[in-house]
Amino acid sequence: MLRFIRLCLSASVALTLLACNSEDPRAVRAAKEKRDVDAVAQQVRTAPRAPATGRWDQEQLTQRLVNAGLAPRADDSLPSHPKFPVQPVGLRVGKAHLLAWIFADSTARKKVSATIDTLTAIPQGQPNPWAEPPMFVEHNNLIAVLVGGSDRQRERVRLAIEAGLPAPRH
C-alpha cells in the first residue's frame, strides 16, 4: 500500500511538472512582454531628470510615452524608411513601430520636414516604403512616424508628442 501511495505521488508530481512546462505560449510571451515593459517603466522612473532644454532627446521621448501609458520598448527591427541626416530611434509601441528622428534643433528639423509629404511621411516624389499608412508628427526638433497600431495608440502617441516639453528654466 505504501508503495502504491509513493507511486501515485510520483505520478502526481510528474503530471504537475508536465502541466507547468506546457503553459500556453501566448501567456508566456505576454508575461515576458509585461516584464520588459515594467523594466522600461522602472528605468524611466528612476533615471535622473535631465535639465529642461526645450529640445527632444531619446530619454524624454521614452519618458513621455511611458507617462502616456504606451509602454515603449527599444526595437532595432526598423521597417524600411526614408533616409534623413540623422539616424532614427526605433521603438515598439504595442504592435506599432515608432521611428523618431531627433535633430540638433528645430531649424535642422524644419529643413527636412519642409520636403516631407505629411500624408505619406516621406520626402515628396519618393516611393512609399511603409506597409501601412503612417502617422506623421513633428514637434520642435523631432520628427516621428508611427506605422501600424490602433487608432487609439496613434492618438495617444500624437498627444504625447504634441503636448511638448517643459520650457527651459532661466
N, C-alpha and C. Protein backbone atom coordinates (compact mmCIF):
# COMPACT_ATOMS: atom_id res chain seq x y z
N MET A 1 0.82 -1.19 0.00
CA MET A 1 0.00 0.00 0.00
C MET A 1 0.87 1.26 0.00
N LEU A 2 1.90 1.28 0.85
CA LEU A 2 2.81 2.41 0.91
C LEU A 2 3.49 2.62 -0.44
N ARG A 3 3.83 1.51 -1.08
CA ARG A 3 4.46 1.60 -2.39
C ARG A 3 3.50 2.22 -3.40
N PHE A 4 2.24 1.86 -3.32
CA PHE A 4 1.22 2.41 -4.22
C PHE A 4 1.07 3.92 -4.00
N ILE A 5 1.07 4.38 -2.77
CA ILE A 5 0.94 5.81 -2.46
C ILE A 5 2.14 6.57 -3.01
N ARG A 6 3.35 6.01 -2.81
CA ARG A 6 4.55 6.66 -3.35
C ARG A 6 4.48 6.76 -4.88
N LEU A 7 4.01 5.71 -5.51
CA LEU A 7 3.87 5.69 -6.96
C LEU A 7 2.87 6.76 -7.41
N CYS A 8 1.77 6.87 -6.70
CA CYS A 8 0.76 7.89 -7.03
C CYS A 8 1.31 9.30 -6.85
N LEU A 9 2.04 9.51 -5.76
CA LEU A 9 2.63 10.82 -5.51
C LEU A 9 3.64 11.17 -6.59
N SER A 10 4.46 10.21 -6.98
CA SER A 10 5.45 10.44 -8.04
C SER A 10 4.75 10.79 -9.35
N ALA A 11 3.70 10.06 -9.67
CA ALA A 11 2.94 10.33 -10.90
C ALA A 11 2.30 11.70 -10.83
N SER A 12 1.78 12.07 -9.67
CA SER A 12 1.15 13.38 -9.50
C SER A 12 2.16 14.50 -9.69
N VAL A 13 3.34 14.36 -9.11
CA VAL A 13 4.41 15.37 -9.26
C VAL A 13 4.83 15.47 -10.72
N ALA A 14 4.97 14.32 -11.38
CA ALA A 14 5.37 14.33 -12.80
C ALA A 14 4.32 15.02 -13.65
N LEU A 15 3.05 14.74 -13.41
CA LEU A 15 1.98 15.40 -14.18
C LEU A 15 1.93 16.90 -13.90
N THR A 16 2.16 17.28 -12.66
CA THR A 16 2.17 18.70 -12.32
C THR A 16 3.31 19.41 -13.04
N LEU A 17 4.50 18.80 -13.02
CA LEU A 17 5.63 19.40 -13.73
C LEU A 17 5.38 19.47 -15.22
N LEU A 18 4.77 18.44 -15.79
CA LEU A 18 4.46 18.44 -17.21
C LEU A 18 3.46 19.55 -17.53
N ALA A 19 2.45 19.72 -16.69
CA ALA A 19 1.45 20.77 -16.90
C ALA A 19 2.08 22.15 -16.82
N CYS A 20 3.01 22.32 -15.90
CA CYS A 20 3.68 23.62 -15.76
C CYS A 20 4.54 23.93 -16.97
N ASN A 21 5.16 22.89 -17.54
CA ASN A 21 6.03 23.10 -18.70
C ASN A 21 5.25 23.28 -19.99
N SER A 22 3.97 22.94 -19.99
CA SER A 22 3.20 23.07 -21.21
C SER A 22 2.26 24.28 -21.13
N GLU A 23 2.78 25.38 -20.56
CA GLU A 23 1.99 26.60 -20.48
C GLU A 23 1.66 27.11 -21.87
N ASP A 24 0.59 27.83 -21.94
CA ASP A 24 0.19 28.45 -23.20
C ASP A 24 1.29 29.41 -23.65
N PRO A 25 1.82 29.24 -24.87
CA PRO A 25 2.91 30.12 -25.33
C PRO A 25 2.51 31.59 -25.35
N ARG A 26 1.23 31.87 -25.57
CA ARG A 26 0.76 33.26 -25.56
C ARG A 26 0.88 33.85 -24.16
N ALA A 27 0.58 33.06 -23.16
CA ALA A 27 0.69 33.54 -21.77
C ALA A 27 2.15 33.77 -21.40
N VAL A 28 3.03 32.87 -21.85
CA VAL A 28 4.46 33.03 -21.58
C VAL A 28 4.97 34.30 -22.26
N ARG A 29 4.60 34.51 -23.54
CA ARG A 29 5.03 35.70 -24.28
C ARG A 29 4.48 36.97 -23.64
N ALA A 30 3.21 36.94 -23.23
CA ALA A 30 2.60 38.11 -22.58
C ALA A 30 3.30 38.43 -21.27
N ALA A 31 3.66 37.42 -20.51
CA ALA A 31 4.36 37.65 -19.24
C ALA A 31 5.74 38.25 -19.49
N LYS A 32 6.44 37.76 -20.52
CA LYS A 32 7.76 38.31 -20.85
C LYS A 32 7.63 39.76 -21.30
N GLU A 33 6.64 40.06 -22.16
CA GLU A 33 6.44 41.43 -22.61
C GLU A 33 6.11 42.35 -21.45
N LYS A 34 5.31 41.86 -20.49
CA LYS A 34 4.97 42.68 -19.32
C LYS A 34 6.23 42.96 -18.50
N ARG A 35 7.10 41.96 -18.33
CA ARG A 35 8.35 42.18 -17.60
C ARG A 35 9.22 43.21 -18.32
N ASP A 36 9.28 43.12 -19.66
CA ASP A 36 10.07 44.08 -20.44
C ASP A 36 9.52 45.50 -20.28
N VAL A 37 8.20 45.63 -20.35
CA VAL A 37 7.57 46.95 -20.20
C VAL A 37 7.80 47.49 -18.81
N ASP A 38 7.65 46.64 -17.80
CA ASP A 38 7.88 47.07 -16.41
C ASP A 38 9.33 47.52 -16.22
N ALA A 39 10.27 46.84 -16.87
CA ALA A 39 11.68 47.21 -16.75
C ALA A 39 11.93 48.59 -17.36
N VAL A 40 11.34 48.87 -18.53
CA VAL A 40 11.49 50.19 -19.16
C VAL A 40 10.86 51.25 -18.27
N ALA A 41 9.67 50.99 -17.77
CA ALA A 41 9.00 51.97 -16.91
C ALA A 41 9.82 52.25 -15.65
N GLN A 42 10.42 51.21 -15.08
CA GLN A 42 11.24 51.40 -13.88
C GLN A 42 12.48 52.23 -14.21
N GLN A 43 13.11 51.97 -15.36
CA GLN A 43 14.27 52.76 -15.77
C GLN A 43 13.90 54.23 -15.91
N VAL A 44 12.74 54.49 -16.52
CA VAL A 44 12.31 55.87 -16.72
C VAL A 44 12.04 56.55 -15.38
N ARG A 45 11.38 55.82 -14.46
CA ARG A 45 11.05 56.41 -13.15
C ARG A 45 12.29 56.72 -12.32
N THR A 46 13.32 55.87 -12.44
CA THR A 46 14.49 56.04 -11.58
C THR A 46 15.62 56.82 -12.24
N ALA A 47 15.49 57.12 -13.52
CA ALA A 47 16.57 57.85 -14.22
C ALA A 47 16.62 59.28 -13.71
N PRO A 48 17.83 59.83 -13.59
CA PRO A 48 17.93 61.23 -13.19
C PRO A 48 17.32 62.12 -14.27
N ARG A 49 16.66 63.16 -13.84
CA ARG A 49 15.99 64.06 -14.77
C ARG A 49 17.01 65.01 -15.39
N ALA A 50 17.01 65.04 -16.71
CA ALA A 50 17.88 65.97 -17.42
C ALA A 50 17.28 67.37 -17.32
N PRO A 51 18.10 68.38 -17.33
CA PRO A 51 17.56 69.74 -17.28
C PRO A 51 16.72 70.01 -18.53
N ALA A 52 15.65 70.76 -18.35
CA ALA A 52 14.77 71.09 -19.46
C ALA A 52 15.50 72.02 -20.43
N THR A 53 15.59 71.59 -21.68
CA THR A 53 16.25 72.40 -22.70
C THR A 53 15.27 72.87 -23.76
N GLY A 54 14.06 72.29 -23.76
CA GLY A 54 13.09 72.62 -24.79
C GLY A 54 13.32 71.81 -26.06
N ARG A 55 14.32 70.91 -26.05
CA ARG A 55 14.59 70.06 -27.21
C ARG A 55 14.42 68.60 -26.81
N TRP A 56 13.89 67.82 -27.75
CA TRP A 56 13.69 66.40 -27.51
C TRP A 56 15.02 65.65 -27.50
N ASP A 57 15.07 64.60 -26.69
CA ASP A 57 16.12 63.59 -26.77
C ASP A 57 15.44 62.24 -26.55
N GLN A 58 16.18 61.17 -26.71
CA GLN A 58 15.57 59.84 -26.63
C GLN A 58 14.96 59.57 -25.25
N GLU A 59 15.63 60.01 -24.19
CA GLU A 59 15.11 59.76 -22.85
C GLU A 59 13.79 60.49 -22.62
N GLN A 60 13.72 61.74 -23.07
CA GLN A 60 12.47 62.49 -22.89
C GLN A 60 11.33 61.88 -23.69
N LEU A 61 11.62 61.41 -24.90
CA LEU A 61 10.59 60.77 -25.72
C LEU A 61 10.09 59.51 -25.03
N THR A 62 11.01 58.68 -24.56
CA THR A 62 10.62 57.45 -23.87
C THR A 62 9.82 57.76 -22.62
N GLN A 63 10.28 58.74 -21.84
CA GLN A 63 9.56 59.11 -20.62
C GLN A 63 8.16 59.61 -20.94
N ARG A 64 8.02 60.43 -21.97
CA ARG A 64 6.71 60.96 -22.33
C ARG A 64 5.77 59.83 -22.74
N LEU A 65 6.27 58.86 -23.50
CA LEU A 65 5.44 57.73 -23.93
C LEU A 65 5.06 56.84 -22.76
N VAL A 66 6.00 56.60 -21.85
CA VAL A 66 5.68 55.81 -20.65
C VAL A 66 4.62 56.53 -19.83
N ASN A 67 4.77 57.84 -19.64
CA ASN A 67 3.79 58.61 -18.87
C ASN A 67 2.42 58.59 -19.52
N ALA A 68 2.37 58.42 -20.84
CA ALA A 68 1.10 58.34 -21.55
C ALA A 68 0.53 56.92 -21.53
N GLY A 69 1.22 56.02 -20.85
CA GLY A 69 0.73 54.65 -20.71
C GLY A 69 0.95 53.79 -21.95
N LEU A 70 1.95 54.13 -22.75
CA LEU A 70 2.15 53.44 -24.02
C LEU A 70 3.18 52.32 -23.98
N ALA A 71 3.97 52.22 -22.96
CA ALA A 71 4.94 51.14 -22.77
C ALA A 71 5.84 50.93 -23.97
N PRO A 72 6.64 51.93 -24.34
CA PRO A 72 7.55 51.75 -25.48
C PRO A 72 8.70 50.81 -25.12
N ARG A 73 9.16 50.08 -26.12
CA ARG A 73 10.31 49.20 -25.96
C ARG A 73 11.27 49.48 -27.10
N ALA A 74 12.55 49.48 -26.81
CA ALA A 74 13.56 49.66 -27.87
C ALA A 74 13.37 48.56 -28.90
N ASP A 75 13.49 48.94 -30.17
CA ASP A 75 13.27 47.98 -31.25
C ASP A 75 14.22 48.30 -32.39
N ASP A 76 15.13 47.38 -32.66
CA ASP A 76 16.07 47.63 -33.74
C ASP A 76 15.64 46.98 -35.06
N SER A 77 14.44 46.41 -35.10
CA SER A 77 13.93 45.82 -36.35
C SER A 77 13.11 46.88 -37.09
N LEU A 78 13.80 47.93 -37.53
CA LEU A 78 13.13 49.06 -38.14
C LEU A 78 12.54 48.69 -39.50
N PRO A 79 11.30 49.13 -39.76
CA PRO A 79 10.77 48.95 -41.11
C PRO A 79 11.55 49.86 -42.06
N SER A 80 11.47 49.58 -43.36
CA SER A 80 12.18 50.46 -44.28
C SER A 80 11.61 51.86 -44.13
N HIS A 81 12.46 52.84 -44.29
CA HIS A 81 12.08 54.21 -44.00
C HIS A 81 12.93 55.17 -44.83
N PRO A 82 12.50 56.41 -44.94
CA PRO A 82 13.32 57.39 -45.68
C PRO A 82 14.61 57.69 -44.93
N LYS A 83 15.62 58.05 -45.67
CA LYS A 83 16.91 58.41 -45.08
C LYS A 83 16.94 59.91 -44.82
N PHE A 84 17.21 60.26 -43.59
CA PHE A 84 17.35 61.65 -43.19
C PHE A 84 18.77 61.84 -42.66
N PRO A 85 19.20 63.10 -42.43
CA PRO A 85 20.58 63.34 -41.96
C PRO A 85 20.89 62.75 -40.59
N VAL A 86 19.90 62.36 -39.81
CA VAL A 86 20.14 61.73 -38.51
C VAL A 86 19.52 60.34 -38.53
N GLN A 87 20.09 59.43 -37.73
CA GLN A 87 19.56 58.07 -37.64
C GLN A 87 18.30 58.06 -36.77
N PRO A 88 17.32 57.24 -37.11
CA PRO A 88 16.11 57.19 -36.29
C PRO A 88 16.30 56.36 -35.03
N VAL A 89 15.53 56.72 -34.02
CA VAL A 89 15.39 55.92 -32.82
C VAL A 89 14.20 55.01 -33.09
N GLY A 90 14.37 53.71 -32.91
CA GLY A 90 13.28 52.77 -33.15
C GLY A 90 12.68 52.30 -31.85
N LEU A 91 11.36 52.44 -31.74
CA LEU A 91 10.65 51.96 -30.56
C LEU A 91 9.46 51.12 -31.02
N ARG A 92 9.08 50.17 -30.19
CA ARG A 92 7.88 49.39 -30.43
C ARG A 92 6.85 49.88 -29.43
N VAL A 93 5.68 50.23 -29.92
CA VAL A 93 4.57 50.66 -29.08
C VAL A 93 3.42 49.72 -29.39
N GLY A 94 3.23 48.72 -28.54
CA GLY A 94 2.26 47.67 -28.88
C GLY A 94 2.77 46.94 -30.11
N LYS A 95 1.92 46.83 -31.13
CA LYS A 95 2.33 46.19 -32.38
C LYS A 95 2.85 47.20 -33.39
N ALA A 96 2.83 48.46 -33.04
CA ALA A 96 3.24 49.53 -33.96
C ALA A 96 4.73 49.83 -33.83
N HIS A 97 5.32 50.30 -34.93
CA HIS A 97 6.70 50.79 -34.96
C HIS A 97 6.66 52.30 -34.85
N LEU A 98 7.46 52.85 -33.97
CA LEU A 98 7.63 54.30 -33.88
C LEU A 98 9.06 54.61 -34.25
N LEU A 99 9.23 55.41 -35.28
CA LEU A 99 10.54 55.90 -35.69
C LEU A 99 10.60 57.36 -35.34
N ALA A 100 11.65 57.77 -34.65
CA ALA A 100 11.80 59.17 -34.25
C ALA A 100 13.18 59.66 -34.68
N TRP A 101 13.17 60.72 -35.44
CA TRP A 101 14.41 61.38 -35.84
C TRP A 101 14.57 62.62 -34.97
N ILE A 102 15.64 62.67 -34.20
CA ILE A 102 15.85 63.77 -33.27
C ILE A 102 17.00 64.62 -33.81
N PHE A 103 16.68 65.84 -34.18
CA PHE A 103 17.64 66.76 -34.78
C PHE A 103 18.25 67.64 -33.70
N ALA A 104 19.33 68.31 -34.04
CA ALA A 104 20.02 69.18 -33.08
C ALA A 104 19.12 70.32 -32.63
N ASP A 105 18.30 70.84 -33.54
CA ASP A 105 17.40 71.94 -33.20
C ASP A 105 16.24 71.97 -34.20
N SER A 106 15.31 72.87 -33.96
CA SER A 106 14.12 72.94 -34.81
C SER A 106 14.45 73.42 -36.21
N THR A 107 15.50 74.22 -36.37
CA THR A 107 15.88 74.70 -37.70
C THR A 107 16.33 73.53 -38.58
N ALA A 108 17.13 72.64 -38.03
CA ALA A 108 17.57 71.46 -38.78
C ALA A 108 16.38 70.56 -39.11
N ARG A 109 15.47 70.40 -38.16
CA ARG A 109 14.27 69.60 -38.42
C ARG A 109 13.42 70.23 -39.50
N LYS A 110 13.24 71.55 -39.48
CA LYS A 110 12.40 72.22 -40.47
C LYS A 110 12.94 72.07 -41.89
N LYS A 111 14.26 72.06 -42.05
CA LYS A 111 14.85 71.87 -43.38
C LYS A 111 14.42 70.52 -43.96
N VAL A 112 14.38 69.51 -43.12
CA VAL A 112 13.99 68.17 -43.58
C VAL A 112 12.47 68.08 -43.71
N SER A 113 11.74 68.54 -42.72
CA SER A 113 10.28 68.37 -42.75
C SER A 113 9.63 69.19 -43.86
N ALA A 114 10.30 70.23 -44.35
CA ALA A 114 9.75 71.01 -45.46
C ALA A 114 9.68 70.18 -46.75
N THR A 115 10.46 69.11 -46.83
CA THR A 115 10.48 68.27 -48.03
C THR A 115 9.54 67.07 -47.92
N ILE A 116 8.88 66.91 -46.76
CA ILE A 116 8.10 65.69 -46.50
C ILE A 116 6.63 65.91 -46.81
N ASP A 117 6.05 64.93 -47.48
CA ASP A 117 4.60 64.88 -47.69
C ASP A 117 4.01 64.34 -46.39
N THR A 118 3.23 65.13 -45.70
CA THR A 118 2.75 64.74 -44.37
C THR A 118 1.73 63.59 -44.41
N LEU A 119 1.16 63.30 -45.57
CA LEU A 119 0.23 62.17 -45.66
C LEU A 119 0.97 60.84 -45.78
N THR A 120 2.13 60.86 -46.41
CA THR A 120 2.89 59.62 -46.58
C THR A 120 4.11 59.55 -45.66
N ALA A 121 4.47 60.66 -45.04
CA ALA A 121 5.60 60.76 -44.11
C ALA A 121 6.93 60.44 -44.79
N ILE A 122 7.04 60.76 -46.06
CA ILE A 122 8.29 60.57 -46.79
C ILE A 122 8.54 61.81 -47.65
N PRO A 123 9.78 62.02 -48.07
CA PRO A 123 10.05 63.15 -48.95
C PRO A 123 9.21 63.07 -50.24
N GLN A 124 8.74 64.21 -50.68
CA GLN A 124 7.88 64.26 -51.85
C GLN A 124 8.56 63.64 -53.06
N GLY A 125 7.81 62.84 -53.80
CA GLY A 125 8.32 62.21 -55.01
C GLY A 125 8.98 60.87 -54.80
N GLN A 126 9.21 60.45 -53.57
CA GLN A 126 9.83 59.15 -53.31
C GLN A 126 8.75 58.08 -53.16
N PRO A 127 9.07 56.83 -53.51
CA PRO A 127 8.08 55.76 -53.34
C PRO A 127 7.80 55.51 -51.86
N ASN A 128 6.59 55.09 -51.58
CA ASN A 128 6.17 54.86 -50.20
C ASN A 128 6.76 53.55 -49.68
N PRO A 129 7.61 53.60 -48.63
CA PRO A 129 8.22 52.38 -48.08
C PRO A 129 7.35 51.69 -47.02
N TRP A 130 6.28 52.33 -46.59
CA TRP A 130 5.50 51.82 -45.46
C TRP A 130 4.53 50.73 -45.90
N ALA A 131 4.39 49.70 -45.10
CA ALA A 131 3.44 48.62 -45.37
C ALA A 131 2.01 49.06 -45.01
N GLU A 132 1.89 50.00 -44.10
CA GLU A 132 0.59 50.52 -43.65
C GLU A 132 0.64 52.04 -43.70
N PRO A 133 -0.51 52.70 -43.70
CA PRO A 133 -0.49 54.16 -43.69
C PRO A 133 0.20 54.68 -42.41
N PRO A 134 1.16 55.58 -42.56
CA PRO A 134 1.88 56.08 -41.39
C PRO A 134 1.18 57.28 -40.77
N MET A 135 1.52 57.56 -39.52
CA MET A 135 1.10 58.80 -38.88
C MET A 135 2.35 59.64 -38.70
N PHE A 136 2.30 60.87 -39.15
CA PHE A 136 3.44 61.78 -39.13
C PHE A 136 3.21 62.84 -38.06
N VAL A 137 4.21 63.02 -37.18
CA VAL A 137 4.12 64.04 -36.13
C VAL A 137 5.46 64.77 -36.08
N GLU A 138 5.39 66.07 -35.97
CA GLU A 138 6.62 66.84 -35.79
C GLU A 138 6.41 67.83 -34.64
N HIS A 139 7.47 68.01 -33.89
CA HIS A 139 7.42 68.96 -32.78
C HIS A 139 8.84 69.38 -32.46
N ASN A 140 9.07 70.68 -32.50
CA ASN A 140 10.38 71.26 -32.20
C ASN A 140 11.47 70.56 -33.00
N ASN A 141 12.35 69.80 -32.39
CA ASN A 141 13.46 69.17 -33.10
C ASN A 141 13.21 67.69 -33.39
N LEU A 142 11.95 67.27 -33.39
CA LEU A 142 11.60 65.86 -33.52
C LEU A 142 10.66 65.63 -34.71
N ILE A 143 10.97 64.60 -35.49
CA ILE A 143 10.04 64.05 -36.47
C ILE A 143 9.76 62.63 -36.02
N ALA A 144 8.49 62.27 -35.92
CA ALA A 144 8.11 60.92 -35.52
C ALA A 144 7.14 60.36 -36.55
N VAL A 145 7.32 59.08 -36.85
CA VAL A 145 6.42 58.36 -37.75
C VAL A 145 6.01 57.08 -37.04
N LEU A 146 4.70 56.89 -36.93
CA LEU A 146 4.17 55.67 -36.33
C LEU A 146 3.55 54.85 -37.44
N VAL A 147 4.00 53.60 -37.57
CA VAL A 147 3.48 52.70 -38.59
C VAL A 147 2.77 51.56 -37.89
N GLY A 148 1.51 51.37 -38.21
CA GLY A 148 0.71 50.32 -37.58
C GLY A 148 0.06 50.84 -36.31
N GLY A 149 -0.50 49.92 -35.57
CA GLY A 149 -1.15 50.28 -34.32
C GLY A 149 -2.61 50.65 -34.50
N SER A 150 -3.29 50.73 -33.39
CA SER A 150 -4.71 51.06 -33.40
C SER A 150 -4.89 52.58 -33.46
N ASP A 151 -6.10 52.99 -33.77
CA ASP A 151 -6.39 54.43 -33.78
C ASP A 151 -6.15 55.05 -32.42
N ARG A 152 -6.47 54.31 -31.36
CA ARG A 152 -6.25 54.82 -30.00
C ARG A 152 -4.77 55.02 -29.71
N GLN A 153 -3.93 54.05 -30.11
CA GLN A 153 -2.49 54.19 -29.91
C GLN A 153 -1.97 55.40 -30.68
N ARG A 154 -2.42 55.54 -31.91
CA ARG A 154 -1.97 56.66 -32.74
C ARG A 154 -2.31 58.00 -32.07
N GLU A 155 -3.52 58.09 -31.57
CA GLU A 155 -3.93 59.33 -30.91
C GLU A 155 -3.08 59.59 -29.67
N ARG A 156 -2.82 58.56 -28.88
CA ARG A 156 -2.04 58.73 -27.66
C ARG A 156 -0.60 59.13 -27.95
N VAL A 157 -0.01 58.55 -29.00
CA VAL A 157 1.35 58.93 -29.39
C VAL A 157 1.35 60.39 -29.84
N ARG A 158 0.41 60.75 -30.70
CA ARG A 158 0.34 62.13 -31.20
C ARG A 158 0.20 63.12 -30.04
N LEU A 159 -0.71 62.84 -29.12
CA LEU A 159 -0.93 63.75 -27.99
C LEU A 159 0.30 63.83 -27.08
N ALA A 160 0.96 62.69 -26.87
CA ALA A 160 2.15 62.68 -26.00
C ALA A 160 3.25 63.56 -26.58
N ILE A 161 3.40 63.55 -27.90
CA ILE A 161 4.46 64.34 -28.54
C ILE A 161 4.04 65.79 -28.70
N GLU A 162 2.84 66.01 -29.17
CA GLU A 162 2.41 67.38 -29.44
C GLU A 162 2.19 68.20 -28.17
N ALA A 163 2.08 67.55 -27.03
CA ALA A 163 1.94 68.28 -25.77
C ALA A 163 3.20 69.07 -25.48
N GLY A 164 4.29 68.67 -26.10
CA GLY A 164 5.53 69.43 -25.95
C GLY A 164 6.32 69.04 -24.72
N LEU A 165 7.39 69.77 -24.54
CA LEU A 165 8.31 69.54 -23.44
C LEU A 165 8.23 70.69 -22.45
N PRO A 166 8.71 70.44 -21.22
CA PRO A 166 8.78 71.55 -20.27
C PRO A 166 9.69 72.66 -20.81
N ALA A 167 9.33 73.87 -20.56
CA ALA A 167 10.16 75.00 -21.01
C ALA A 167 11.45 75.04 -20.20
N PRO A 168 12.53 75.49 -20.82
CA PRO A 168 13.79 75.59 -20.07
C PRO A 168 13.66 76.61 -18.94
N ARG A 169 14.31 76.32 -17.85
CA ARG A 169 14.28 77.26 -16.71
C ARG A 169 15.39 78.26 -16.88
N HIS A 170 15.10 79.48 -16.55
CA HIS A 170 16.11 80.55 -16.66
C HIS A 170 16.55 81.01 -15.31
